[in-house]
């Protein structure tokens, strides 16, 4: 992910969080950390976190996996762009096709 892509996603997350803040004043983003290949967002609620990541997944297309740890009261999500998944499938298909005579 390029820094431009990270900036664009950061802006989307902030717009969505600002909109949610008007409806639910206690729900907000606490921290956004840009790391190589990923963005880590800490929120005050799992509901806001889910809404943010659904916004990213629907805006930029992709798959979203959600993991909830009840003991830690923590919601972890992993979003993957479809383009990345399709590239992997194309590489696998080309490898398997190369073995056919």
N, C-alpha and C. Protein backbone atom coordinates (compact mmCIF):
# COMPACT_ATOMS: atom_id res chain seq x y z
N UNK A 1 0.85 -1.17 0.00
CA UNK A 1 0.00 0.00 0.00
C UNK A 1 0.90 1.23 0.00
N UNK A 2 0.63 2.14 -0.91
CA UNK A 2 1.44 3.36 -1.00
C UNK A 2 0.98 4.36 0.05
N UNK A 3 1.81 5.37 0.29
CA UNK A 3 1.43 6.39 1.28
C UNK A 3 0.21 7.16 0.82
N UNK A 4 0.05 7.34 -0.51
CA UNK A 4 -1.14 8.01 -1.03
C UNK A 4 -2.40 7.21 -0.75
N UNK A 5 -2.31 5.88 -0.91
CA UNK A 5 -3.45 5.02 -0.61
C UNK A 5 -3.78 5.07 0.88
N UNK A 6 -2.76 5.04 1.71
CA UNK A 6 -2.98 5.11 3.16
C UNK A 6 -3.64 6.43 3.53
N UNK A 7 -3.19 7.52 2.92
CA UNK A 7 -3.77 8.84 3.21
C UNK A 7 -5.25 8.87 2.80
N UNK A 8 -5.57 8.30 1.65
CA UNK A 8 -6.95 8.28 1.17
C UNK A 8 -7.83 7.46 2.11
N UNK A 9 -7.34 6.32 2.56
CA UNK A 9 -8.11 5.49 3.49
C UNK A 9 -8.24 6.18 4.84
N UNK A 10 -7.16 6.83 5.31
CA UNK A 10 -7.23 7.60 6.56
C UNK A 10 -8.32 8.66 6.48
N UNK A 11 -8.40 9.36 5.34
CA UNK A 11 -9.40 10.41 5.17
C UNK A 11 -10.82 9.83 5.20
N UNK A 12 -11.02 8.68 4.56
CA UNK A 12 -12.32 8.01 4.59
C UNK A 12 -12.70 7.64 6.01
N UNK A 13 -11.75 7.06 6.75
CA UNK A 13 -12.02 6.67 8.13
C UNK A 13 -12.40 7.89 8.97
N UNK A 14 -11.70 9.00 8.79
CA UNK A 14 -11.98 10.19 9.58
C UNK A 14 -13.35 10.78 9.25
N UNK A 15 -13.70 10.80 7.95
CA UNK A 15 -15.03 11.30 7.56
C UNK A 15 -16.13 10.45 8.18
N UNK A 16 -15.96 9.14 8.12
CA UNK A 16 -16.96 8.23 8.68
C UNK A 16 -17.05 8.40 10.20
N UNK A 17 -15.92 8.53 10.87
CA UNK A 17 -15.90 8.71 12.33
C UNK A 17 -16.55 10.03 12.72
N UNK A 18 -16.30 11.09 11.95
CA UNK A 18 -16.92 12.39 12.23
C UNK A 18 -18.44 12.31 12.12
N UNK A 19 -18.92 11.57 11.11
CA UNK A 19 -20.36 11.40 10.92
C UNK A 19 -20.96 10.62 12.11
N UNK A 20 -20.28 9.56 12.53
CA UNK A 20 -20.76 8.76 13.66
C UNK A 20 -20.74 9.56 14.96
N UNK A 21 -19.75 10.44 15.12
CA UNK A 21 -19.62 11.24 16.33
C UNK A 21 -20.84 12.13 16.53
N UNK A 22 -21.44 12.61 15.45
CA UNK A 22 -22.64 13.44 15.56
C UNK A 22 -23.83 12.65 16.10
N UNK A 23 -23.89 11.37 15.75
CA UNK A 23 -25.00 10.52 16.19
C UNK A 23 -24.73 9.92 17.56
N UNK A 24 -23.50 9.44 17.76
CA UNK A 24 -23.09 8.78 19.01
C UNK A 24 -21.86 9.49 19.56
N UNK A 25 -22.04 10.51 20.42
CA UNK A 25 -20.92 11.34 20.88
C UNK A 25 -19.80 10.61 21.61
N UNK A 26 -20.08 9.45 22.16
CA UNK A 26 -19.03 8.73 22.90
C UNK A 26 -18.19 7.81 22.01
N UNK A 27 -18.61 7.63 20.77
CA UNK A 27 -17.87 6.76 19.87
C UNK A 27 -16.94 7.59 18.99
N UNK A 28 -15.66 7.30 19.11
CA UNK A 28 -14.70 8.07 18.34
C UNK A 28 -13.42 7.28 18.10
N UNK A 29 -12.63 7.76 17.18
CA UNK A 29 -11.31 7.18 16.91
C UNK A 29 -10.35 7.71 17.97
N UNK A 30 -9.63 6.80 18.61
CA UNK A 30 -8.66 7.21 19.61
C UNK A 30 -7.27 7.37 19.00
N UNK A 31 -6.94 6.49 18.04
CA UNK A 31 -5.60 6.54 17.45
C UNK A 31 -5.62 5.89 16.07
N UNK A 32 -4.84 6.46 15.15
CA UNK A 32 -4.63 5.87 13.84
C UNK A 32 -3.12 5.79 13.64
N UNK A 33 -2.64 4.57 13.41
CA UNK A 33 -1.20 4.36 13.18
C UNK A 33 -1.02 3.77 11.79
N UNK A 34 -0.27 4.47 10.97
CA UNK A 34 0.07 3.94 9.65
C UNK A 34 1.33 3.12 9.78
N UNK A 35 1.23 1.87 9.39
CA UNK A 35 2.37 0.96 9.39
C UNK A 35 2.55 0.44 7.98
N UNK A 36 3.73 -0.05 7.65
CA UNK A 36 3.93 -0.56 6.29
C UNK A 36 2.90 -1.64 5.94
N UNK A 37 2.10 -1.36 4.91
CA UNK A 37 1.12 -2.33 4.45
C UNK A 37 -0.15 -2.44 5.26
N UNK A 38 -0.30 -1.60 6.29
CA UNK A 38 -1.50 -1.70 7.11
C UNK A 38 -1.76 -0.41 7.86
N UNK A 39 -2.99 -0.24 8.28
CA UNK A 39 -3.40 0.89 9.10
C UNK A 39 -4.05 0.31 10.34
N UNK A 40 -3.59 0.72 11.52
CA UNK A 40 -4.14 0.23 12.78
C UNK A 40 -4.97 1.36 13.38
N UNK A 41 -6.26 1.08 13.59
CA UNK A 41 -7.19 2.08 14.12
C UNK A 41 -7.72 1.60 15.46
N UNK A 42 -7.60 2.44 16.48
CA UNK A 42 -8.13 2.14 17.80
C UNK A 42 -9.34 3.03 18.03
N UNK A 43 -10.48 2.42 18.40
CA UNK A 43 -11.71 3.17 18.61
C UNK A 43 -12.24 2.94 20.02
N UNK A 44 -13.25 3.72 20.38
CA UNK A 44 -13.85 3.56 21.70
C UNK A 44 -14.90 2.46 21.74
N UNK A 45 -15.31 1.96 20.56
CA UNK A 45 -16.32 0.90 20.57
C UNK A 45 -16.14 -0.03 19.38
N UNK A 46 -16.57 -1.26 19.56
CA UNK A 46 -16.52 -2.24 18.49
C UNK A 46 -17.48 -1.87 17.37
N UNK A 47 -18.60 -1.23 17.73
CA UNK A 47 -19.58 -0.84 16.72
C UNK A 47 -18.97 0.18 15.74
N UNK A 48 -18.24 1.14 16.26
CA UNK A 48 -17.60 2.13 15.39
C UNK A 48 -16.52 1.46 14.54
N UNK A 49 -15.74 0.58 15.14
CA UNK A 49 -14.68 -0.12 14.40
C UNK A 49 -15.29 -0.90 13.23
N UNK A 50 -16.36 -1.60 13.50
CA UNK A 50 -17.02 -2.38 12.43
C UNK A 50 -17.52 -1.45 11.33
N UNK A 51 -18.14 -0.35 11.71
CA UNK A 51 -18.64 0.60 10.72
C UNK A 51 -17.54 1.20 9.86
N UNK A 52 -16.41 1.49 10.48
CA UNK A 52 -15.27 2.05 9.73
C UNK A 52 -14.75 1.05 8.71
N UNK A 53 -14.58 -0.18 9.12
CA UNK A 53 -14.01 -1.16 8.22
C UNK A 53 -14.99 -1.61 7.15
N UNK A 54 -16.28 -1.61 7.46
CA UNK A 54 -17.27 -1.91 6.42
C UNK A 54 -17.23 -0.80 5.38
N UNK A 55 -17.06 0.45 5.83
CA UNK A 55 -16.96 1.58 4.89
C UNK A 55 -15.75 1.40 3.96
N UNK A 56 -14.63 0.98 4.51
CA UNK A 56 -13.44 0.75 3.68
C UNK A 56 -13.68 -0.40 2.71
N UNK A 57 -14.23 -1.49 3.20
CA UNK A 57 -14.43 -2.66 2.35
C UNK A 57 -15.42 -2.40 1.23
N UNK A 58 -16.47 -1.62 1.49
CA UNK A 58 -17.45 -1.35 0.45
C UNK A 58 -16.98 -0.26 -0.50
N UNK A 59 -16.22 0.70 -0.01
CA UNK A 59 -15.73 1.78 -0.86
C UNK A 59 -14.63 1.31 -1.79
N UNK A 60 -13.69 0.55 -1.25
CA UNK A 60 -12.53 0.15 -2.03
C UNK A 60 -12.58 -1.30 -2.49
N UNK A 61 -13.71 -1.96 -2.28
CA UNK A 61 -13.93 -3.36 -2.67
C UNK A 61 -12.90 -4.26 -1.98
N UNK A 62 -13.35 -5.37 -1.56
CA UNK A 62 -12.45 -6.31 -0.92
C UNK A 62 -13.21 -7.25 -0.01
N UNK A 63 -12.45 -7.99 0.75
CA UNK A 63 -13.06 -8.92 1.70
C UNK A 63 -12.69 -8.48 3.11
N UNK A 64 -13.59 -8.71 4.01
CA UNK A 64 -13.42 -8.28 5.39
C UNK A 64 -13.61 -9.48 6.30
N UNK A 65 -12.61 -9.75 7.11
CA UNK A 65 -12.71 -10.82 8.10
C UNK A 65 -12.73 -10.16 9.47
N UNK A 66 -13.67 -10.59 10.32
CA UNK A 66 -13.84 -10.00 11.64
C UNK A 66 -13.60 -11.07 12.70
N UNK A 67 -12.79 -10.73 13.69
CA UNK A 67 -12.47 -11.63 14.79
C UNK A 67 -12.78 -10.89 16.10
N UNK A 68 -13.58 -11.51 16.96
CA UNK A 68 -13.91 -10.89 18.23
C UNK A 68 -13.35 -11.73 19.36
N UNK A 69 -12.58 -11.09 20.24
CA UNK A 69 -12.02 -11.73 21.42
C UNK A 69 -12.83 -11.24 22.62
N UNK A 70 -13.74 -12.07 23.12
CA UNK A 70 -14.64 -11.66 24.20
C UNK A 70 -13.88 -11.39 25.50
N UNK A 71 -12.84 -12.16 25.76
CA UNK A 71 -12.09 -11.96 27.00
C UNK A 71 -11.39 -10.61 27.02
N UNK A 72 -10.83 -10.21 25.90
CA UNK A 72 -10.13 -8.94 25.83
C UNK A 72 -11.05 -7.80 25.42
N UNK A 73 -12.31 -8.13 25.10
CA UNK A 73 -13.27 -7.15 24.58
C UNK A 73 -12.63 -6.37 23.43
N UNK A 74 -12.14 -7.15 22.47
CA UNK A 74 -11.36 -6.58 21.37
C UNK A 74 -11.89 -7.12 20.05
N UNK A 75 -12.05 -6.24 19.08
CA UNK A 75 -12.51 -6.59 17.75
C UNK A 75 -11.36 -6.36 16.77
N UNK A 76 -10.93 -7.41 16.11
CA UNK A 76 -9.87 -7.30 15.11
C UNK A 76 -10.45 -7.59 13.74
N UNK A 77 -10.06 -6.78 12.78
CA UNK A 77 -10.55 -6.96 11.41
C UNK A 77 -9.39 -6.95 10.45
N UNK A 78 -9.54 -7.74 9.41
CA UNK A 78 -8.53 -7.79 8.36
C UNK A 78 -9.22 -7.60 7.03
N UNK A 79 -8.86 -6.54 6.34
CA UNK A 79 -9.45 -6.22 5.04
C UNK A 79 -8.41 -6.47 3.96
N UNK A 80 -8.81 -7.16 2.90
CA UNK A 80 -7.92 -7.45 1.78
C UNK A 80 -8.57 -6.94 0.51
N UNK A 81 -7.79 -6.21 -0.28
CA UNK A 81 -8.33 -5.72 -1.56
C UNK A 81 -8.55 -6.89 -2.49
N UNK A 82 -9.64 -6.86 -3.25
CA UNK A 82 -9.93 -7.93 -4.20
C UNK A 82 -8.86 -8.05 -5.24
N UNK A 83 -8.31 -6.92 -5.68
CA UNK A 83 -7.29 -6.95 -6.71
C UNK A 83 -6.12 -7.83 -6.26
N UNK A 84 -5.74 -7.73 -5.01
CA UNK A 84 -4.66 -8.55 -4.49
C UNK A 84 -5.03 -10.03 -4.53
N UNK A 85 -6.27 -10.35 -4.16
CA UNK A 85 -6.73 -11.74 -4.17
C UNK A 85 -6.76 -12.27 -5.60
N UNK A 86 -7.26 -11.45 -6.53
CA UNK A 86 -7.34 -11.89 -7.93
C UNK A 86 -5.95 -12.12 -8.51
N UNK A 87 -5.00 -11.29 -8.13
CA UNK A 87 -3.63 -11.49 -8.60
C UNK A 87 -3.06 -12.81 -8.12
N UNK A 88 -3.35 -13.15 -6.88
CA UNK A 88 -2.89 -14.42 -6.34
C UNK A 88 -3.53 -15.58 -7.09
N UNK A 89 -4.83 -15.48 -7.36
CA UNK A 89 -5.51 -16.55 -8.10
C UNK A 89 -4.96 -16.67 -9.53
N UNK A 90 -4.68 -15.53 -10.18
CA UNK A 90 -4.11 -15.57 -11.53
C UNK A 90 -2.74 -16.26 -11.52
N UNK A 91 -1.94 -15.94 -10.52
CA UNK A 91 -0.60 -16.57 -10.44
C UNK A 91 -0.74 -18.07 -10.24
N UNK A 92 -1.67 -18.48 -9.38
CA UNK A 92 -1.88 -19.92 -9.16
C UNK A 92 -2.36 -20.59 -10.44
N UNK A 93 -3.29 -19.93 -11.15
CA UNK A 93 -3.82 -20.50 -12.40
C UNK A 93 -2.72 -20.63 -13.45
N UNK A 94 -1.86 -19.61 -13.55
CA UNK A 94 -0.80 -19.68 -14.55
C UNK A 94 0.21 -20.77 -14.21
N UNK A 95 0.45 -20.98 -12.91
CA UNK A 95 1.36 -22.06 -12.50
C UNK A 95 0.76 -23.42 -12.84
N UNK A 96 -0.53 -23.59 -12.57
CA UNK A 96 -1.15 -24.89 -12.85
C UNK A 96 -1.30 -25.12 -14.34
N UNK A 97 -1.54 -24.07 -15.13
CA UNK A 97 -1.65 -24.20 -16.57
C UNK A 97 -0.31 -24.49 -17.24
N UNK A 98 0.76 -24.07 -16.61
CA UNK A 98 2.08 -24.29 -17.21
C UNK A 98 2.47 -25.78 -17.19
N UNK A 99 1.78 -26.57 -16.36
CA UNK A 99 2.08 -27.99 -16.27
C UNK A 99 1.24 -28.84 -17.22
N UNK A 100 0.30 -28.19 -17.94
CA UNK A 100 -0.56 -28.92 -18.87
C UNK A 100 0.07 -28.91 -20.25
N UNK A 101 0.15 -30.10 -20.90
CA UNK A 101 0.72 -30.19 -22.27
C UNK A 101 -0.34 -30.16 -23.30
